Structures are given as C-alpha cells and as structure tokens.
Amino acid sequence: MAIEKEENLPYMVIPVDMEDGTQIECEVLAIFPVGGKQYIALIDKDNDDSDIWLYRFVPVGDEEFNIEDIEDDKEFELVEDAFNKMVESAEIDAVIDEKE
C-alpha cells in the first residue's frame, strides 16, 4: 500500500479494506511513534461524521507500508492517548478543522 497525495486535495489518501469487505478512501491525519512503533490515524475522506481509526503503521519499503489492526487493549489505549495528546496540543488541529 502507498500513500497518495491527490493533486486537488490538501491531504494524503489511502484505501482501507474494512471488515465487511468494502474499501474506504481514508485521509491520513497523522503518522506518529508510540513505544518504538509507528501508528497511523485515519478518517473517511467522504464522511464528515466518520470516526477516527487508529492502526499500526509498518513500513515495508521506501514508499510502501502495511497497516495492522491494534488488537491488544493496552497497546490501543497507549496509542489513543498519544493521538489525543497530539490533538490537544494542536499538532494536528488544523487538519481536523479543515474536515469540519
């Protein structure tokens, strides 16, 4: 999977396969480290009421990567806390404001 910056959009977009077999184009809100691993925060680019999804971000090459579900509750809580702190400190506030 590769992140694509669409020419007419101010953000990066990736396709995400959902559990029900559908695919959703998601905006990348942030890629950030927690405990020595990388994580990615995504939101459905076509749904203003979408939840924010958090996944483990695993680089595979220079421009390729995989995203993995975070299945461990403690790991998810750490990632969620780190993401919320980024939002609170306004590090990604501008991106979220643009979607609203």
C-alpha atoms as a PDB file:
ATOM      1  CA  MET A   1       0.000   0.000   0.000  1.00  0.00           C
ATOM      2  CA  ALA A   2       1.269   3.509  -0.748  1.00  0.00           C
ATOM      3  CA  ILE A   3       0.163   6.907   0.407  1.00  0.00           C
ATOM      4  CA  GLU A   4      -1.007   9.071  -2.475  1.00  0.00           C
ATOM      5  CA  LYS A   5      -1.253  12.848  -2.424  1.00  0.00           C
ATOM      6  CA  GLU A   6      -4.058  13.720  -4.779  1.00  0.00           C
ATOM      7  CA  GLU A   7      -3.373  16.911  -6.704  1.00  0.00           C
ATOM      8  CA  ASN A   8      -6.684  18.541  -5.864  1.00  0.00           C
ATOM      9  CA  LEU A   9      -6.676  17.551  -2.178  1.00  0.00           C
ATOM     10  CA  PRO A  10      -4.586  19.132   0.621  1.00  0.00           C
ATOM     11  CA  TYR A  11      -4.027  15.778   2.333  1.00  0.00           C
ATOM     12  CA  MET A  12      -2.811  12.222   1.715  1.00  0.00           C
ATOM     13  CA  VAL A  13      -5.335   9.468   0.956  1.00  0.00           C
ATOM     14  CA  ILE A  14      -5.087   5.680   1.245  1.00  0.00           C
ATOM     15  CA  PRO A  15      -7.622   2.918   0.556  1.00  0.00           C
ATOM     16  CA  VAL A  16      -8.528   0.816   3.602  1.00  0.00           C
ATOM     17  CA  ASP A  17     -10.218  -2.591   3.407  1.00  0.00           C
ATOM     18  CA  MET A  18     -12.961  -2.823   6.027  1.00  0.00           C
ATOM     19  CA  GLU A  19     -14.096  -5.993   7.823  1.00  0.00           C
ATOM     20  CA  ASP A  20     -17.292  -6.142   5.748  1.00  0.00           C
ATOM     21  CA  GLY A  21     -15.281  -6.345   2.508  1.00  0.00           C
ATOM     22  CA  THR A  22     -15.823  -2.735   1.442  1.00  0.00           C
ATOM     23  CA  GLN A  23     -12.989  -0.342   0.750  1.00  0.00           C
ATOM     24  CA  ILE A  24     -12.937   3.230   2.039  1.00  0.00           C
ATOM     25  CA  GLU A  25     -10.714   6.087   0.906  1.00  0.00           C
ATOM     26  CA  CYS A  26      -9.207   7.493   4.092  1.00  0.00           C
ATOM     27  CA  GLU A  27      -7.460  10.753   4.810  1.00  0.00           C
ATOM     28  CA  VAL A  28      -4.208  10.418   6.749  1.00  0.00           C
ATOM     29  CA  LEU A  29      -4.459  12.631   9.826  1.00  0.00           C
ATOM     30  CA  ALA A  30      -1.113  11.652  11.357  1.00  0.00           C
ATOM     31  CA  ILE A  31       1.648   9.084  11.451  1.00  0.00           C
ATOM     32  CA  PHE A  32       3.257   9.058  14.890  1.00  0.00           C
ATOM     33  CA  PRO A  33       5.503   6.955  17.152  1.00  0.00           C
ATOM     34  CA  VAL A  34       4.463   5.277  20.397  1.00  0.00           C
ATOM     35  CA  GLY A  35       6.782   2.970  22.322  1.00  0.00           C
ATOM     36  CA  GLY A  36       9.168   2.371  19.444  1.00  0.00           C
ATOM     37  CA  LYS A  37       6.436   1.539  16.910  1.00  0.00           C
ATOM     38  CA  GLN A  38       4.689   3.699  14.315  1.00  0.00           C
ATOM     39  CA  TYR A  39       0.949   4.277  14.169  1.00  0.00           C
ATOM     40  CA  ILE A  40      -1.407   5.984  11.729  1.00  0.00           C
ATOM     41  CA  ALA A  41      -4.641   7.911  12.354  1.00  0.00           C
ATOM     42  CA  LEU A  42      -7.185   7.818   9.523  1.00  0.00           C
ATOM     43  CA  ILE A  43     -10.623   9.250   8.786  1.00  0.00           C
ATOM     44  CA  ASP A  44     -13.090   8.516   5.971  1.00  0.00           C
ATOM     45  CA  LYS A  45     -12.499  11.353   3.491  1.00  0.00           C
ATOM     46  CA  ASP A  46     -16.086  11.245   2.222  1.00  0.00           C
ATOM     47  CA  ASN A  47     -17.925  11.121   5.563  1.00  0.00           C
ATOM     48  CA  ASP A  48     -17.715  14.160   7.833  1.00  0.00           C
ATOM     49  CA  ASP A  49     -19.256  12.152  10.693  1.00  0.00           C
ATOM     50  CA  SER A  50     -16.681   9.372  10.486  1.00  0.00           C
ATOM     51  CA  ASP A  51     -14.824   8.040  13.492  1.00  0.00           C
ATOM     52  CA  ILE A  52     -11.048   8.322  13.578  1.00  0.00           C
ATOM     53  CA  TRP A  53      -9.394   4.939  13.093  1.00  0.00           C
ATOM     54  CA  LEU A  54      -6.015   4.047  14.595  1.00  0.00           C
ATOM     55  CA  TYR A  55      -3.788   1.348  13.119  1.00  0.00           C
ATOM     56  CA  ARG A  56      -0.221   0.126  13.484  1.00  0.00           C
ATOM     57  CA  PHE A  57       1.860   1.534  10.603  1.00  0.00           C
ATOM     58  CA  VAL A  58       4.520  -0.868   9.300  1.00  0.00           C
ATOM     59  CA  PRO A  59       6.918   0.457   6.626  1.00  0.00           C
ATOM     60  CA  VAL A  60       7.781  -2.197   4.032  1.00  0.00           C
ATOM     61  CA  GLY A  61       9.991  -0.129   1.738  1.00  0.00           C
ATOM     62  CA  ASP A  62      10.744   3.463   0.863  1.00  0.00           C
ATOM     63  CA  GLU A  63       7.167   4.267  -0.162  1.00  0.00           C
ATOM     64  CA  GLU A  64       5.296   1.084   0.743  1.00  0.00           C
ATOM     65  CA  PHE A  65       3.703   0.125   4.048  1.00  0.00           C
ATOM     66  CA  ASN A  66       1.111  -2.077   5.704  1.00  0.00           C
ATOM     67  CA  ILE A  67      -1.447  -1.134   8.305  1.00  0.00           C
ATOM     68  CA  GLU A  68      -2.378  -3.616  11.006  1.00  0.00           C
ATOM     69  CA  ASP A  69      -5.223  -3.726  13.499  1.00  0.00           C
ATOM     70  CA  ILE A  70      -4.255  -2.974  17.081  1.00  0.00           C
ATOM     71  CA  GLU A  71      -5.713  -5.974  18.880  1.00  0.00           C
ATOM     72  CA  ASP A  72      -4.135  -5.523  22.311  1.00  0.00           C
ATOM     73  CA  ASP A  73      -6.286  -3.259  24.516  1.00  0.00           C
ATOM     74  CA  LYS A  74      -3.320  -1.817  26.437  1.00  0.00           C
ATOM     75  CA  GLU A  75      -1.467  -1.007  23.231  1.00  0.00           C
ATOM     76  CA  PHE A  76      -4.590   0.628  21.787  1.00  0.00           C
ATOM     77  CA  GLU A  77      -5.043   2.762  24.919  1.00  0.00           C
ATOM     78  CA  LEU A  78      -1.421   3.978  24.681  1.00  0.00           C
ATOM     79  CA  VAL A  79      -1.874   4.862  21.013  1.00  0.00           C
ATOM     80  CA  GLU A  80      -5.222   6.548  21.628  1.00  0.00           C
ATOM     81  CA  ASP A  81      -3.728   8.601  24.483  1.00  0.00           C
ATOM     82  CA  ALA A  82      -0.785   9.683  22.316  1.00  0.00           C
ATOM     83  CA  PHE A  83      -3.116  10.682  19.487  1.00  0.00           C
ATOM     84  CA  ASN A  84      -5.398  12.626  21.846  1.00  0.00           C
ATOM     85  CA  LYS A  85      -2.373  14.489  23.261  1.00  0.00           C
ATOM     86  CA  MET A  86      -1.372  15.468  19.715  1.00  0.00           C
ATOM     87  CA  VAL A  87      -4.876  16.805  19.096  1.00  0.00           C
ATOM     88  CA  GLU A  88      -4.901  18.668  22.417  1.00  0.00           C
ATOM     89  CA  SER A  89      -1.532  20.258  21.682  1.00  0.00           C
ATOM     90  CA  ALA A  90      -2.887  21.408  18.284  1.00  0.00           C
ATOM     91  CA  GLU A  91      -0.250  19.443  16.356  1.00  0.00           C
ATOM     92  CA  ILE A  92      -2.947  18.135  14.018  1.00  0.00           C
ATOM     93  CA  ASP A  93      -5.748  20.532  14.909  1.00  0.00           C
ATOM     94  CA  ALA A  94      -5.549  22.317  11.554  1.00  0.00           C
ATOM     95  CA  VAL A  95      -6.112  19.077   9.666  1.00  0.00           C
ATOM     96  CA  ILE A  96      -9.197  18.189  11.715  1.00  0.00           C
ATOM     97  CA  ASP A  97     -10.571  21.740  11.427  1.00  0.00           C
ATOM     98  CA  GLU A  98     -10.325  21.549   7.626  1.00  0.00           C
ATOM     99  CA  LYS A  99     -12.626  18.487   7.629  1.00  0.00           C
ATOM    100  CA  GLU A 100     -15.309  20.107   9.810  1.00  0.00           C
END
